[in-house]
Amino acid sequence: MSQELTKQTEATLTHHLQAFAEGDINAILSDYVEASILYTPDGPLRGLNQIRGFFSGVLENAPPGFMANFEMVRQDVEGEIAYIVWQSGSAVPLCTDTFIVRNGKIVVQTFAAHRT
């Protein structure tokens, strides 16, 4: 795998995580393109409008202390693929995301979480 490709994927992931931590929907969406797909347990979300709705819902419905309790458990990046495992206290004891990044944009993401 190209180290340059891995660095680009890491940079996109870092920006995405920072934008999420700040609750900045526009910054989050800047990491996606209209053709992006976000796979969730409720089915795939396609395009910026559906992805915006997902992140708006997550941020608006986050339990108290969600960001303060956010902890990255594992992060792996190789080439255009990034994989993270994270948790947020007892409210979200396990969550995982996989990202496929091309040209600095998330084109595919998978998301699954165990929420209490």
C-alpha atoms as a PDB file:
ATOM      1  CA  MET A   1       0.000   0.000   0.000  1.00  0.00           C
ATOM      2  CA  SER A   2       1.118   3.494  -0.729  1.00  0.00           C
ATOM      3  CA  GLN A   3       2.167   5.452   2.353  1.00  0.00           C
ATOM      4  CA  GLU A   4       0.870   8.608   0.684  1.00  0.00           C
ATOM      5  CA  LEU A   5      -2.573   7.062   0.270  1.00  0.00           C
ATOM      6  CA  THR A   6      -2.552   5.977   3.919  1.00  0.00           C
ATOM      7  CA  LYS A   7      -1.578   9.515   5.003  1.00  0.00           C
ATOM      8  CA  GLN A   8      -4.417  11.011   2.956  1.00  0.00           C
ATOM      9  CA  THR A   9      -6.902   8.585   4.523  1.00  0.00           C
ATOM     10  CA  GLU A  10      -5.557   9.368   8.011  1.00  0.00           C
ATOM     11  CA  ALA A  11      -5.926  13.103   7.353  1.00  0.00           C
ATOM     12  CA  THR A  12      -9.534  12.684   6.215  1.00  0.00           C
ATOM     13  CA  LEU A  13     -10.335  10.512   9.241  1.00  0.00           C
ATOM     14  CA  THR A  14      -8.697  13.008  11.609  1.00  0.00           C
ATOM     15  CA  HIS A  15     -10.741  15.845  10.112  1.00  0.00           C
ATOM     16  CA  HIS A  16     -13.932  13.789  10.326  1.00  0.00           C
ATOM     17  CA  LEU A  17     -13.373  12.907  13.987  1.00  0.00           C
ATOM     18  CA  GLN A  18     -12.523  16.506  14.886  1.00  0.00           C
ATOM     19  CA  ALA A  19     -15.603  17.850  13.089  1.00  0.00           C
ATOM     20  CA  PHE A  20     -17.751  15.246  14.853  1.00  0.00           C
ATOM     21  CA  ALA A  21     -16.264  16.148  18.255  1.00  0.00           C
ATOM     22  CA  GLU A  22     -17.052  19.804  17.570  1.00  0.00           C
ATOM     23  CA  GLY A  23     -20.570  18.962  16.405  1.00  0.00           C
ATOM     24  CA  ASP A  24     -19.970  20.856  13.164  1.00  0.00           C
ATOM     25  CA  ILE A  25     -22.374  19.331  10.637  1.00  0.00           C
ATOM     26  CA  ASN A  26     -21.026  21.333   7.686  1.00  0.00           C
ATOM     27  CA  ALA A  27     -17.454  20.284   8.463  1.00  0.00           C
ATOM     28  CA  ILE A  28     -18.581  16.665   8.823  1.00  0.00           C
ATOM     29  CA  LEU A  29     -20.332  16.788   5.451  1.00  0.00           C
ATOM     30  CA  SER A  30     -17.286  18.333   3.777  1.00  0.00           C
ATOM     31  CA  ASP A  31     -15.670  14.897   4.093  1.00  0.00           C
ATOM     32  CA  TYR A  32     -18.334  13.294   1.875  1.00  0.00           C
ATOM     33  CA  VAL A  33     -19.506  13.614  -1.722  1.00  0.00           C
ATOM     34  CA  GLU A  34     -23.017  13.354  -3.150  1.00  0.00           C
ATOM     35  CA  ALA A  35     -22.307   9.753  -4.215  1.00  0.00           C
ATOM     36  CA  SER A  36     -21.244   8.702  -0.680  1.00  0.00           C
ATOM     37  CA  ILE A  37     -23.081   5.863   1.057  1.00  0.00           C
ATOM     38  CA  LEU A  38     -23.324   5.374   4.822  1.00  0.00           C
ATOM     39  CA  TYR A  39     -24.392   1.846   5.791  1.00  0.00           C
ATOM     40  CA  THR A  40     -26.255   1.679   9.116  1.00  0.00           C
ATOM     41  CA  PRO A  41     -28.212  -1.049  10.943  1.00  0.00           C
ATOM     42  CA  ASP A  42     -31.362   0.684   9.627  1.00  0.00           C
ATOM     43  CA  GLY A  43     -30.189   0.486   6.010  1.00  0.00           C
ATOM     44  CA  PRO A  44     -27.992   2.496   3.658  1.00  0.00           C
ATOM     45  CA  LEU A  45     -28.089   6.287   3.504  1.00  0.00           C
ATOM     46  CA  ARG A  46     -27.182   7.789   0.153  1.00  0.00           C
ATOM     47  CA  GLY A  47     -26.066  11.310  -0.603  1.00  0.00           C
ATOM     48  CA  LEU A  48     -25.370  14.385   1.455  1.00  0.00           C
ATOM     49  CA  ASN A  49     -28.962  15.059   2.561  1.00  0.00           C
ATOM     50  CA  GLN A  50     -29.465  11.613   4.072  1.00  0.00           C
ATOM     51  CA  ILE A  51     -26.006  11.631   5.653  1.00  0.00           C
ATOM     52  CA  ARG A  52     -26.712  15.108   7.094  1.00  0.00           C
ATOM     53  CA  GLY A  53     -29.915  13.745   8.644  1.00  0.00           C
ATOM     54  CA  PHE A  54     -28.013  10.871  10.237  1.00  0.00           C
ATOM     55  CA  PHE A  55     -25.357  13.050  11.843  1.00  0.00           C
ATOM     56  CA  SER A  56     -27.877  15.707  12.893  1.00  0.00           C
ATOM     57  CA  GLY A  57     -29.879  12.992  14.634  1.00  0.00           C
ATOM     58  CA  VAL A  58     -26.831  11.522  16.344  1.00  0.00           C
ATOM     59  CA  LEU A  59     -25.669  14.890  17.638  1.00  0.00           C
ATOM     60  CA  GLU A  60     -29.137  16.092  18.678  1.00  0.00           C
ATOM     61  CA  ASN A  61     -29.967  12.849  20.503  1.00  0.00           C
ATOM     62  CA  ALA A  62     -26.599  12.216  22.131  1.00  0.00           C
ATOM     63  CA  PRO A  63     -26.912  11.507  25.852  1.00  0.00           C
ATOM     64  CA  PRO A  64     -25.429  13.952  28.341  1.00  0.00           C
ATOM     65  CA  GLY A  65     -21.649  13.599  28.538  1.00  0.00           C
ATOM     66  CA  PHE A  66     -21.453  11.792  25.189  1.00  0.00           C
ATOM     67  CA  MET A  67     -18.460  13.767  23.890  1.00  0.00           C
ATOM     68  CA  ALA A  68     -16.781  13.970  27.293  1.00  0.00           C
ATOM     69  CA  ASN A  69     -16.926  10.159  27.563  1.00  0.00           C
ATOM     70  CA  PHE A  70     -15.864   9.492  23.949  1.00  0.00           C
ATOM     71  CA  GLU A  71     -12.886   7.147  23.855  1.00  0.00           C
ATOM     72  CA  MET A  72     -11.124   5.697  20.824  1.00  0.00           C
ATOM     73  CA  VAL A  73     -10.447   2.019  21.502  1.00  0.00           C
ATOM     74  CA  ARG A  74      -8.766   1.159  18.205  1.00  0.00           C
ATOM     75  CA  GLN A  75      -7.868   2.931  14.990  1.00  0.00           C
ATOM     76  CA  ASP A  76      -6.315   1.261  11.950  1.00  0.00           C
ATOM     77  CA  VAL A  77      -5.603   2.898   8.605  1.00  0.00           C
ATOM     78  CA  GLU A  78      -4.124   1.233   5.568  1.00  0.00           C
ATOM     79  CA  GLY A  79      -4.367   2.622   2.073  1.00  0.00           C
ATOM     80  CA  GLU A  80      -7.872   3.917   1.455  1.00  0.00           C
ATOM     81  CA  ILE A  81      -9.447   2.008   4.363  1.00  0.00           C
ATOM     82  CA  ALA A  82      -9.838   3.237   7.939  1.00  0.00           C
ATOM     83  CA  TYR A  83     -11.360   1.228  10.774  1.00  0.00           C
ATOM     84  CA  ILE A  84     -12.221   2.556  14.220  1.00  0.00           C
ATOM     85  CA  VAL A  85     -13.693   1.095  17.397  1.00  0.00           C
ATOM     86  CA  TRP A  86     -14.888   3.546  20.021  1.00  0.00           C
ATOM     87  CA  GLN A  87     -17.101   3.912  23.055  1.00  0.00           C
ATOM     88  CA  SER A  88     -18.808   6.615  25.048  1.00  0.00           C
ATOM     89  CA  GLY A  89     -19.362   5.550  28.629  1.00  0.00           C
ATOM     90  CA  SER A  90     -22.275   3.282  29.442  1.00  0.00           C
ATOM     91  CA  ALA A  91     -24.518   4.960  26.822  1.00  0.00           C
ATOM     92  CA  VAL A  92     -22.484   3.547  23.907  1.00  0.00           C
ATOM     93  CA  PRO A  93     -20.250   0.762  25.213  1.00  0.00           C
ATOM     94  CA  LEU A  94     -19.255  -0.354  21.703  1.00  0.00           C
ATOM     95  CA  CYS A  95     -19.273   1.255  18.277  1.00  0.00           C
ATOM     96  CA  THR A  96     -17.405   0.544  15.081  1.00  0.00           C
ATOM     97  CA  ASP A  97     -17.007   2.425  11.805  1.00  0.00           C
ATOM     98  CA  THR A  98     -15.229   1.511   8.599  1.00  0.00           C
ATOM     99  CA  PHE A  99     -14.391   4.168   6.010  1.00  0.00           C
ATOM    100  CA  ILE A 100     -13.301   3.953   2.392  1.00  0.00           C
ATOM    101  CA  VAL A 101     -11.635   7.216   1.419  1.00  0.00           C
ATOM    102  CA  ARG A 102     -10.857   8.263  -2.148  1.00  0.00           C
ATOM    103  CA  ASN A 103      -9.316  11.583  -3.143  1.00  0.00           C
ATOM    104  CA  GLY A 104      -9.692  12.832   0.426  1.00  0.00           C
ATOM    105  CA  LYS A 105     -13.438  12.091   0.629  1.00  0.00           C
ATOM    106  CA  ILE A 106     -15.370   9.361   2.433  1.00  0.00           C
ATOM    107  CA  VAL A 107     -17.122   7.433  -0.326  1.00  0.00           C
ATOM    108  CA  VAL A 108     -18.329   4.536   1.818  1.00  0.00           C
ATOM    109  CA  GLN A 109     -18.797   4.278   5.572  1.00  0.00           C
ATOM    110  CA  THR A 110     -20.234   1.505   7.712  1.00  0.00           C
ATOM    111  CA  PHE A 111     -21.556   2.187  11.206  1.00  0.00           C
ATOM    112  CA  ALA A 112     -22.753  -0.139  13.950  1.00  0.00           C
ATOM    113  CA  ALA A 113     -23.225   0.606  17.643  1.00  0.00           C
ATOM    114  CA  HIS A 114     -24.420  -1.089  20.778  1.00  0.00           C
ATOM    115  CA  ARG A 115     -26.435   1.574  22.593  1.00  0.00           C
ATOM    116  CA  THR A 116     -28.036   1.262  26.011  1.00  0.00           C
END
